């Protein structure tokens, strides 16, 4: 362990994560805004919800840039304050502008998630990091699942209103803020250990200007981008990580709006049970893949192409069979597939890197996914653009998934065709250079064919 951080800081952090994730009002956010706050569906879908996508990316970049510099805890506090402000606005806010600001504060809370995960890395020794990460994931899953199930039970059987559920969420995130303030400072700091070269990291401790510091970080980022993505295998799996994350962001922003459109009886909606069960099944799927890492190790990228087509089907079916329970099942399948794709992609990326830049690659992938989500959200959701309804948005998400799958398939086909042409040229030259060596030529042709088969499998 690392002194007081492991004995005192990590347990407090685990409690902080639990109360941070225990937000029983979230499964019914859209019905709450529509039925209790009296916002129209168009205001919710096209004026309020898009603000999260616009805010998330710039806030995330700021958090990444300053988390190490400010020694983690201030960013944890910032995220906790963001959640408290979110539920204060949800309870007291009455205008569209206040709800839009609520989405900004919510983006602060979600973007600062990286801060508490980074704190764990410096609070425990390297040998205990995997165990601490597992406890952290378990605390987060417990908070989310318990909040979803308790939401449904309280609403159905105790007749707790949506407003009262939001008060419960406000109380929980307020406890999380108090716990965040009690987290002790990390005893060991490895600032920029994977971001800057050794000489630059040492220079940071001296008296240098802010502009010099920014330039050093920018130069290091450029160097790390090259080091991280020079491998074709890393680029391939990073592509799927970005595609999966983008789809997850887009569907997550529209799913409750679609459910609201499809519901026919307010007494027969089960958002809480669905979200809670989906979270547990997704985590179980991820755990199974982690347990059987040998099978994941031999997984080809074409499998993720097929899984992306399955995601496309799960977003298209609810728009054709307009039934709430069908939409529930499709959403569960979508999230389970997302969990599998992310687990496989991250595993492959970790094993393809030759340098200690895994966190950097994950951050870059998340940034690119955030940019794509922002662009698509503006085009299909914003009132100043196409302003699609939820069903039309799902059509766009289906098209996005199909396009990404086909683009990868066509790219791999073009690589195979180009490789076959190159092999044909080489074979012809071999024939011209040594027309009598038919045995050697036969072996050469067989080896080339085997190489082509390997490419097609990938």
Protein backbone atom coordinates (compact mmCIF):
# COMPACT_ATOMS: atom_id res chain seq x y z
CA UNK A 1 0.00 0.00 0.00
CA UNK A 2 0.92 3.67 -0.04
CA UNK A 3 0.44 4.72 3.59
CA UNK A 4 -2.63 6.72 4.49
CA UNK A 5 -3.94 6.73 0.91
CA UNK A 6 -4.58 2.97 0.88
CA UNK A 7 -5.80 2.72 4.47
CA UNK A 8 -7.92 5.86 4.56
CA UNK A 9 -8.16 7.51 1.15
CA UNK A 10 -9.21 4.54 -1.00
CA UNK A 11 -12.10 3.39 1.28
CA UNK A 12 -13.43 6.97 1.34
CA UNK A 13 -13.07 7.10 -2.45
CA UNK A 14 -15.06 3.87 -2.82
CA UNK A 15 -17.87 5.34 -0.71
CA UNK A 16 -17.66 8.54 -2.75
CA UNK A 17 -18.06 6.58 -5.99
CA UNK A 18 -21.05 4.65 -4.61
CA UNK A 19 -22.98 7.78 -3.56
CA UNK A 20 -21.89 9.55 -6.73
CA UNK A 21 -23.51 6.80 -8.81
CA UNK A 22 -26.57 6.35 -6.57
CA UNK A 23 -28.97 8.64 -8.47
CA UNK A 24 -32.41 6.97 -8.40
CA UNK A 25 -34.10 9.69 -10.44
CA UNK A 26 -32.09 9.15 -13.63
CA UNK A 27 -34.09 6.26 -15.18
CA UNK A 28 -37.08 8.61 -15.41
CA UNK A 29 -35.36 11.88 -16.29
CA UNK A 30 -37.35 12.39 -19.50
CA UNK A 31 -40.76 11.65 -17.91
CA UNK A 32 -39.82 13.96 -15.03
CA UNK A 33 -38.98 16.85 -17.36
CA UNK A 34 -42.10 16.21 -19.41
CA UNK A 35 -44.73 15.33 -16.80
CA UNK A 36 -43.52 17.16 -13.68
CA UNK A 37 -41.65 20.14 -15.15
CA UNK A 38 -44.04 20.45 -18.14
CA UNK A 39 -41.39 20.82 -20.84
CA UNK A 40 -42.51 19.67 -24.27
CA UNK A 41 -40.90 16.65 -25.92
CA UNK A 42 -39.35 18.91 -28.54
CA UNK A 43 -37.82 21.18 -25.90
CA UNK A 44 -36.38 18.18 -24.07
CA UNK A 45 -35.10 16.37 -27.14
CA UNK A 46 -33.91 19.24 -29.34
CA UNK A 47 -33.06 22.07 -26.93
CA UNK A 48 -32.01 20.52 -23.59
CA UNK A 49 -30.37 17.15 -24.23
CA UNK A 50 -27.95 18.29 -26.99
CA UNK A 51 -26.20 20.64 -24.54
CA UNK A 52 -24.53 17.70 -22.76
CA UNK A 53 -22.77 16.62 -25.96
CA UNK A 54 -21.64 20.19 -26.65
CA UNK A 55 -20.28 20.61 -23.10
CA UNK A 56 -18.77 17.19 -22.45
CA UNK A 57 -15.85 17.38 -24.89
CA UNK A 58 -14.33 20.77 -23.95
CA UNK A 59 -14.76 20.06 -20.22
CA UNK A 60 -13.20 16.62 -20.65
CA UNK A 61 -10.15 18.16 -22.36
CA UNK A 62 -9.75 20.69 -19.55
CA UNK A 63 -10.02 17.97 -16.92
CA UNK A 64 -7.39 15.82 -18.65
CA UNK A 65 -5.05 18.81 -19.00
CA UNK A 66 -5.22 19.83 -15.34
CA UNK A 67 -5.96 16.67 -13.33
CA UNK A 68 -2.31 15.78 -12.75
CA UNK A 69 -1.24 19.42 -12.29
CA UNK A 70 -3.72 20.15 -9.48
CA UNK A 71 -3.03 16.80 -7.77
CA UNK A 72 -6.36 15.08 -8.49
CA UNK A 73 -8.48 16.13 -5.51
CA UNK A 74 -9.63 19.55 -6.84
CA UNK A 75 -10.96 17.84 -9.96
CA UNK A 76 -12.79 15.27 -7.83
CA UNK A 77 -14.32 18.18 -5.87
CA UNK A 78 -15.18 19.93 -9.15
CA UNK A 79 -17.02 16.84 -10.41
CA UNK A 80 -18.89 16.40 -7.13
CA UNK A 81 -19.96 20.07 -7.20
CA UNK A 82 -21.11 19.59 -10.77
CA UNK A 83 -23.47 16.80 -9.74
CA UNK A 84 -24.83 18.76 -6.76
CA UNK A 85 -25.48 21.76 -9.03
CA UNK A 86 -27.19 19.43 -11.53
CA UNK A 87 -29.77 18.19 -9.03
CA UNK A 88 -30.31 21.61 -7.48
CA UNK A 89 -31.25 22.82 -10.96
CA UNK A 90 -33.41 19.76 -11.64
CA UNK A 91 -35.35 20.32 -8.43
CA UNK A 92 -35.61 24.13 -8.54
CA UNK A 93 -35.22 24.99 -12.24
CA UNK A 94 -38.27 25.97 -14.28
CA UNK A 95 -37.01 27.33 -17.62
CA UNK A 96 -35.36 25.77 -20.66
CA UNK A 97 -32.27 27.92 -20.03
CA UNK A 98 -31.93 26.54 -16.49
CA UNK A 99 -32.23 22.98 -17.82
CA UNK A 100 -29.61 23.72 -20.46
CA UNK A 101 -27.27 24.93 -17.72
CA UNK A 102 -28.16 21.72 -15.84
CA UNK A 103 -26.77 19.75 -18.77
CA UNK A 104 -23.51 21.75 -18.55
CA UNK A 105 -23.11 20.97 -14.83
CA UNK A 106 -23.94 17.32 -15.53
CA UNK A 107 -21.18 17.30 -18.18
CA UNK A 108 -18.79 18.59 -15.49
CA UNK A 109 -19.72 15.64 -13.27
CA UNK A 110 -19.30 13.01 -16.01
CA UNK A 111 -16.07 14.53 -17.38
CA UNK A 112 -14.40 14.51 -13.95
CA UNK A 113 -14.76 10.74 -13.67
CA UNK A 114 -11.17 10.44 -14.93
CA UNK A 115 -9.94 12.33 -11.83
CA UNK A 116 -10.93 9.74 -9.22
CA UNK A 117 -9.64 6.90 -11.42
CA UNK A 118 -6.29 8.71 -11.66
CA UNK A 119 -6.24 9.22 -7.88
CA UNK A 120 -6.40 5.45 -7.33
CA UNK A 121 -3.34 5.02 -9.53
CA UNK A 122 -1.22 7.23 -7.24
CA UNK A 123 -2.86 6.13 -3.99
CA UNK A 124 -1.85 2.46 -4.18
CA UNK A 125 1.23 0.57 -5.26
CA UNK A 126 1.48 -0.87 -8.76
CA UNK A 127 0.95 -4.40 -7.40
CA UNK A 128 -2.41 -3.41 -5.85
CA UNK A 129 -3.66 -1.25 -8.72
CA UNK A 130 -5.63 -4.04 -10.44
CA UNK A 131 -7.36 -4.95 -7.17
CA UNK A 132 -8.15 -1.29 -6.40
CA UNK A 133 -9.52 -0.79 -9.93
CA UNK A 134 -11.74 -3.84 -9.47
CA UNK A 135 -13.10 -2.48 -6.18
CA UNK A 136 -13.70 0.86 -7.89
CA UNK A 137 -15.65 -0.74 -10.75
CA UNK A 138 -17.64 -2.80 -8.24
CA UNK A 139 -18.53 0.27 -6.19
CA UNK A 140 -19.67 2.10 -9.32
CA UNK A 141 -21.74 -0.86 -10.56
CA UNK A 142 -23.34 -1.35 -7.13
CA UNK A 143 -24.33 2.33 -6.94
CA UNK A 144 -25.82 2.41 -10.44
CA UNK A 145 -27.67 -0.91 -10.18
CA UNK A 146 -29.06 -0.25 -6.71
CA UNK A 147 -30.25 3.21 -7.75
CA UNK A 148 -32.03 1.86 -10.85
CA UNK A 149 -33.82 -0.97 -9.02
CA UNK A 150 -34.71 1.19 -6.00
CA UNK A 151 -36.07 3.85 -8.38
CA UNK A 152 -38.54 1.40 -9.90
CA UNK A 153 -39.53 -0.17 -6.57
CA UNK A 154 -40.03 3.17 -4.82
CA UNK A 155 -42.03 4.58 -7.74
CA UNK A 156 -44.25 1.51 -8.25
CA UNK A 157 -44.88 0.33 -4.70
CA UNK A 158 -44.18 3.28 -2.40
CA UNK A 159 -45.69 5.74 -4.92
CA UNK A 160 -42.66 8.02 -4.59
CA UNK A 161 -42.98 10.86 -7.13
CA UNK A 162 -40.34 11.80 -9.70
CA UNK A 163 -39.67 15.02 -7.76
CA UNK A 164 -39.05 13.05 -4.56
CA UNK A 165 -36.69 10.73 -6.43
CA UNK A 166 -34.73 13.79 -7.51
CA UNK A 167 -34.51 14.92 -3.90
CA UNK A 168 -33.05 11.49 -3.06
CA UNK A 169 -30.49 11.93 -5.84
CA UNK A 170 -29.63 15.39 -4.53
CA UNK A 171 -29.07 13.96 -1.05
CA UNK A 172 -26.85 11.19 -2.40
CA UNK A 173 -24.60 13.45 -4.51
CA UNK A 174 -24.40 15.88 -1.55
CA UNK A 175 -23.04 13.04 0.60
CA UNK A 176 -20.59 12.30 -2.23
CA UNK A 177 -19.39 15.92 -2.12
CA UNK A 178 -18.76 15.69 1.65
CA UNK A 179 -16.82 12.44 1.14
CA UNK A 180 -14.81 14.03 -1.68
CA UNK A 181 -13.69 16.80 0.68
CA UNK A 182 -12.45 14.13 3.14
CA UNK A 183 -10.22 12.36 0.59
CA UNK A 184 -6.58 12.87 1.68
CA UNK A 185 -3.95 14.20 -0.75
CA UNK A 186 -1.93 11.57 -2.63
CA UNK A 187 1.47 10.89 -1.10
CA UNK A 188 3.29 10.11 -4.32
CA UNK A 189 2.87 12.15 -7.49
CA UNK A 190 3.97 10.93 -10.90
CA UNK A 191 3.06 14.01 -12.87
CA UNK A 192 3.32 13.55 -16.61
CA UNK A 193 5.13 10.28 -16.10
CA UNK A 194 3.64 8.84 -19.28
CA UNK A 195 3.00 12.11 -21.06
CA UNK A 196 6.36 13.89 -21.01
CA UNK A 197 9.86 12.57 -21.60
CA UNK A 198 12.11 12.26 -18.52
CA UNK A 199 14.04 15.44 -19.16
CA UNK A 200 10.86 17.45 -19.65
CA UNK A 201 9.27 15.97 -16.52
CA UNK A 202 12.23 17.09 -14.48
CA UNK A 203 12.13 20.54 -16.00
CA UNK A 204 8.54 20.98 -14.86
CA UNK A 205 9.73 21.20 -11.28
CA UNK A 206 11.83 24.26 -12.11
CA UNK A 207 10.77 27.83 -12.72
CA UNK A 208 9.37 27.89 -16.24
CA UNK A 209 6.69 30.03 -17.80
CA UNK A 210 3.14 28.85 -18.48
CA UNK A 211 3.72 29.16 -22.24
CA UNK A 212 6.81 26.96 -22.02
CA UNK A 213 4.87 24.40 -20.01
CA UNK A 214 2.04 24.36 -22.58
CA UNK A 215 4.53 24.05 -25.46
CA UNK A 216 6.28 21.13 -23.75
CA UNK A 217 2.96 19.36 -23.23
CA UNK A 218 1.89 20.00 -26.83
CA UNK A 219 5.19 18.66 -28.20
CA UNK A 220 4.90 15.61 -25.95
CA UNK A 221 1.33 14.97 -27.12
CA UNK A 222 2.45 15.07 -30.77
CA UNK A 223 5.26 12.65 -30.02
CA UNK A 224 2.97 10.32 -28.10
CA UNK A 225 0.36 10.31 -30.87
CA UNK A 226 3.05 9.10 -33.27
CA UNK A 227 4.39 6.50 -30.82
CA UNK A 228 0.90 5.22 -29.97
CA UNK A 229 -0.67 5.01 -33.41
CA UNK A 230 2.27 3.98 -35.60
CA UNK A 231 1.17 0.36 -35.15
CA UNK A 232 -1.44 -0.75 -37.70
CA UNK A 233 -2.98 -3.05 -35.09
CA UNK A 234 -3.42 -0.16 -32.63
CA UNK A 235 -5.08 1.98 -35.31
CA UNK A 236 -7.41 -0.86 -36.24
CA UNK A 237 -8.67 -1.46 -32.70
CA UNK A 238 -8.72 2.25 -31.87
CA UNK A 239 -11.11 2.66 -34.81
CA UNK A 240 -13.55 0.22 -33.24
CA UNK A 241 -13.17 1.78 -29.80
CA UNK A 242 -14.10 5.17 -31.27
CA UNK A 243 -17.05 3.77 -33.25
CA UNK A 244 -18.41 1.92 -30.21
CA UNK A 245 -18.01 4.89 -27.86
CA UNK A 246 -19.69 7.25 -30.34
CA UNK A 247 -22.70 4.96 -30.75
CA UNK A 248 -22.94 4.58 -26.97
CA UNK A 249 -22.98 8.37 -26.47
CA UNK A 250 -25.58 8.95 -29.20
CA UNK A 251 -28.01 6.20 -28.20
CA UNK A 252 -27.65 7.03 -24.51
CA UNK A 253 -28.72 10.59 -25.24
CA UNK A 254 -31.90 9.51 -27.06
CA UNK A 255 -33.07 6.24 -25.51
CA UNK A 256 -35.37 7.70 -22.84
CA UNK A 257 -36.94 10.05 -25.38
CA UNK A 258 -37.75 7.08 -27.64
CA UNK A 259 -39.20 5.14 -24.70
CA UNK A 260 -41.36 8.13 -23.80
CA UNK A 261 -42.73 8.25 -27.35
CA UNK A 262 -43.50 4.51 -27.34
CA UNK A 263 -45.16 4.22 -23.93
CA UNK A 264 -48.94 3.77 -23.97
CA UNK A 265 -49.59 3.19 -20.28
CA UNK A 266 -47.67 5.08 -17.57
CA UNK A 267 -48.36 2.24 -15.15
CA UNK A 268 -46.55 -0.30 -17.36
CA UNK A 269 -43.16 1.32 -17.90
CA UNK A 270 -40.10 -0.24 -16.28
CA UNK A 271 -37.15 2.02 -17.07
CA UNK A 272 -35.51 1.35 -13.70
CA UNK A 273 -35.59 -2.44 -13.99
CA UNK A 274 -34.35 -2.29 -17.60
CA UNK A 275 -31.42 0.05 -16.88
CA UNK A 276 -30.43 -1.86 -13.73
CA UNK A 277 -30.59 -5.28 -15.42
CA UNK A 278 -28.78 -4.00 -18.50
CA UNK A 279 -25.95 -2.66 -16.34
CA UNK A 280 -25.54 -6.00 -14.57
CA UNK A 281 -25.65 -8.04 -17.80
CA UNK A 282 -23.18 -5.70 -19.53
CA UNK A 283 -20.77 -6.00 -16.62
CA UNK A 284 -21.21 -9.78 -16.62
CA UNK A 285 -20.43 -9.95 -20.36
CA UNK A 286 -17.32 -7.83 -19.87
CA UNK A 287 -16.21 -10.00 -16.93
CA UNK A 288 -16.67 -13.22 -18.95
CA UNK A 289 -14.54 -11.84 -21.79
CA UNK A 290 -11.88 -10.78 -19.31
CA UNK A 291 -11.96 -14.24 -17.73
CA UNK A 292 -11.43 -15.93 -21.11
CA UNK A 293 -8.74 -13.58 -22.34
CA UNK A 294 -7.21 -16.27 -24.58
CA UNK A 295 -10.34 -16.27 -26.74
CA UNK A 296 -10.31 -12.47 -26.87
CA UNK A 297 -6.64 -12.55 -27.84
CA UNK A 298 -7.50 -14.49 -31.01
CA UNK A 299 -10.57 -12.41 -31.89
CA UNK A 300 -10.41 -10.87 -35.37
CA UNK A 301 -11.49 -7.31 -36.13
CA UNK A 302 -14.13 -8.70 -38.52
CA UNK A 303 -16.01 -9.95 -35.43
CA UNK A 304 -16.43 -6.35 -34.26
CA UNK A 305 -17.65 -5.43 -37.75
CA UNK A 306 -20.40 -8.03 -37.36
CA UNK A 307 -21.18 -6.86 -33.82
CA UNK A 308 -21.51 -3.30 -35.12
CA UNK A 309 -24.08 -4.54 -37.64
CA UNK A 310 -25.89 -6.16 -34.69
CA UNK A 311 -25.86 -2.76 -32.93
CA UNK A 312 -27.36 -1.27 -36.09
CA UNK A 313 -30.15 -3.87 -35.96
CA UNK A 314 -30.83 -3.13 -32.28
CA UNK A 315 -31.31 0.59 -33.06
CA UNK A 316 -33.41 -0.04 -36.18
CA UNK A 317 -35.88 -2.66 -34.89
CA UNK A 318 -37.56 -0.36 -32.27
CA UNK A 319 -38.33 2.18 -35.00
CA UNK A 320 -40.14 -0.47 -37.06
CA UNK A 321 -41.78 -2.52 -34.30
CA UNK A 322 -42.94 0.43 -32.25
CA UNK A 323 -43.42 -1.34 -28.94
CA UNK A 324 -41.94 -0.19 -25.63
CA UNK A 325 -40.94 -3.68 -24.47
CA UNK A 326 -39.24 -4.43 -27.80
CA UNK A 327 -37.34 -1.17 -27.36
CA UNK A 328 -36.34 -2.27 -23.83
CA UNK A 329 -34.94 -5.58 -25.12
CA UNK A 330 -33.13 -3.92 -28.03
CA UNK A 331 -31.58 -1.35 -25.70
CA UNK A 332 -30.33 -4.12 -23.41
CA UNK A 333 -28.84 -6.01 -26.36
CA UNK A 334 -27.23 -2.81 -27.65
CA UNK A 335 -25.53 -2.07 -24.32
CA UNK A 336 -24.33 -5.67 -23.88
CA UNK A 337 -22.79 -5.58 -27.37
CA UNK A 338 -21.19 -2.20 -26.59
CA UNK A 339 -19.67 -3.67 -23.43
CA UNK A 340 -18.25 -6.64 -25.39
CA UNK A 341 -16.85 -4.45 -28.17
CA UNK A 342 -15.20 -2.03 -25.71
CA UNK A 343 -13.69 -4.89 -23.69
CA UNK A 344 -12.24 -6.52 -26.80
CA UNK A 345 -10.98 -3.21 -28.26
CA UNK A 346 -9.29 -2.06 -25.04
CA UNK A 347 -7.73 -5.50 -24.52
CA UNK A 348 -6.32 -5.49 -28.05
CA UNK A 349 -5.06 -1.92 -27.74
CA UNK A 350 -3.27 -2.73 -24.47
CA UNK A 351 -1.54 -5.71 -26.10
CA UNK A 352 -0.61 -3.84 -29.29
CA UNK A 353 1.19 -0.96 -27.58
CA UNK A 354 4.96 -1.14 -27.31
CA UNK A 355 5.13 1.85 -24.94
CA UNK A 356 3.43 2.72 -21.64
CA UNK A 357 0.79 4.93 -23.27
CA UNK A 358 -2.43 2.98 -22.75
CA UNK A 359 -4.14 5.78 -20.80
CA UNK A 360 -3.08 8.31 -23.42
CA UNK A 361 -4.58 6.23 -26.26
CA UNK A 362 -7.84 5.75 -24.35
CA UNK A 363 -8.00 9.52 -23.79
CA UNK A 364 -7.40 10.29 -27.47
CA UNK A 365 -10.02 7.74 -28.54
CA UNK A 366 -12.55 9.26 -26.10
CA UNK A 367 -11.79 12.73 -27.48
CA UNK A 368 -12.36 11.64 -31.09
CA UNK A 369 -15.58 9.86 -30.09
CA UNK A 370 -16.72 13.02 -28.30
CA UNK A 371 -16.06 15.09 -31.42
CA UNK A 372 -18.08 12.71 -33.59
CA UNK A 373 -20.91 12.65 -31.05
CA UNK A 374 -20.93 16.44 -30.92
CA UNK A 375 -21.10 16.69 -34.72
CA UNK A 376 -23.88 14.11 -35.13
CA UNK A 377 -25.84 15.54 -32.19
CA UNK A 378 -25.78 19.02 -33.72
CA UNK A 379 -26.91 17.74 -37.12
CA UNK A 380 -29.75 15.47 -36.00
CA UNK A 381 -30.91 16.88 -32.64
CA UNK A 382 -30.29 20.61 -32.45
CA UNK A 383 -33.24 22.91 -33.09
CA UNK A 384 -31.01 25.00 -35.40
CA UNK A 385 -30.27 21.98 -37.62
CA UNK A 386 -32.48 19.01 -38.64
CA UNK A 387 -34.21 18.77 -35.25
CA UNK A 388 -35.18 15.10 -35.72
CA UNK A 389 -37.54 13.28 -33.41
CA UNK A 390 -36.20 10.23 -31.48
CA UNK A 391 -37.33 7.72 -34.11
CA UNK A 392 -35.56 9.64 -36.88
CA UNK A 393 -32.47 9.97 -34.69
CA UNK A 394 -32.34 6.18 -34.33
CA UNK A 395 -32.41 5.87 -38.12
CA UNK A 396 -29.31 8.07 -38.26
CA UNK A 397 -27.59 5.96 -35.59
CA UNK A 398 -28.41 2.83 -37.59
CA UNK A 399 -26.92 4.41 -40.70
CA UNK A 400 -23.81 5.44 -38.76
CA UNK A 401 -23.24 1.89 -37.49
CA UNK A 402 -23.81 0.30 -40.91
CA UNK A 403 -21.52 2.85 -42.60
CA UNK A 404 -18.68 2.29 -40.11
CA UNK A 405 -18.97 -1.48 -40.55
CA UNK A 406 -18.99 -1.25 -44.35
CA UNK A 407 -16.11 1.24 -44.44
CA UNK A 408 -13.91 -1.16 -42.50
CA UNK A 409 -14.98 -4.14 -44.63
CA UNK A 410 -14.30 -2.27 -47.90
CA UNK A 411 -10.94 -1.08 -46.56
CA UNK A 412 -9.87 -4.63 -45.70
CA UNK A 413 -11.06 -5.85 -49.11
CA UNK A 414 -9.03 -3.14 -50.87
CA UNK A 415 -5.97 -4.17 -48.84
CA UNK A 416 -6.46 -7.79 -49.92
CA UNK A 417 -6.88 -6.82 -53.58
CA UNK A 418 -3.78 -4.62 -53.47
CA UNK A 419 -1.82 -7.40 -51.77
CA UNK A 420 -2.88 -9.93 -54.39
CA UNK A 421 -1.81 -7.58 -57.17
CA UNK A 422 1.57 -7.04 -55.52
CA UNK A 423 2.01 -10.80 -55.13
CA UNK A 424 1.08 -11.32 -58.77
CA UNK A 425 3.73 -8.83 -59.85
CA UNK A 426 6.32 -10.55 -57.66
CA UNK A 427 5.38 -13.96 -59.05
CA UNK A 428 5.67 -12.73 -62.62
CA UNK A 429 9.09 -11.29 -61.90
CA UNK A 430 10.13 -14.57 -60.31
CA UNK A 431 9.03 -16.46 -63.42
CA UNK A 432 10.93 -14.08 -65.68
CA UNK A 433 14.05 -14.16 -63.52
CA UNK A 434 14.16 -17.93 -62.95
CA UNK A 435 11.87 -19.75 -65.40
CA UNK A 436 13.35 -23.12 -64.47
CA UNK A 437 12.72 -23.01 -60.73
CA UNK A 438 9.19 -24.28 -60.79
CA UNK A 439 9.45 -26.05 -57.43
CA UNK A 440 10.58 -22.92 -55.63
CA UNK A 441 7.93 -20.90 -57.43
CA UNK A 442 5.23 -23.34 -56.30
CA UNK A 443 6.28 -22.95 -52.70
CA UNK A 444 6.32 -19.15 -53.12
CA UNK A 445 2.76 -19.17 -54.50
CA UNK A 446 1.54 -21.32 -51.60
CA UNK A 447 3.13 -18.97 -49.03
CA UNK A 448 1.56 -15.93 -50.74
CA UNK A 449 -1.85 -17.57 -50.69
CA UNK A 450 -1.49 -18.28 -46.97
CA UNK A 451 -0.64 -14.63 -46.35
CA UNK A 452 -3.74 -13.55 -48.29
CA UNK A 453 -5.91 -15.88 -46.19
CA UNK A 454 -4.52 -14.36 -43.00
CA UNK A 455 -5.40 -10.85 -44.22
CA UNK A 456 -8.95 -11.91 -45.14
CA UNK A 457 -9.46 -13.43 -41.68
CA UNK A 458 -8.35 -10.16 -40.06
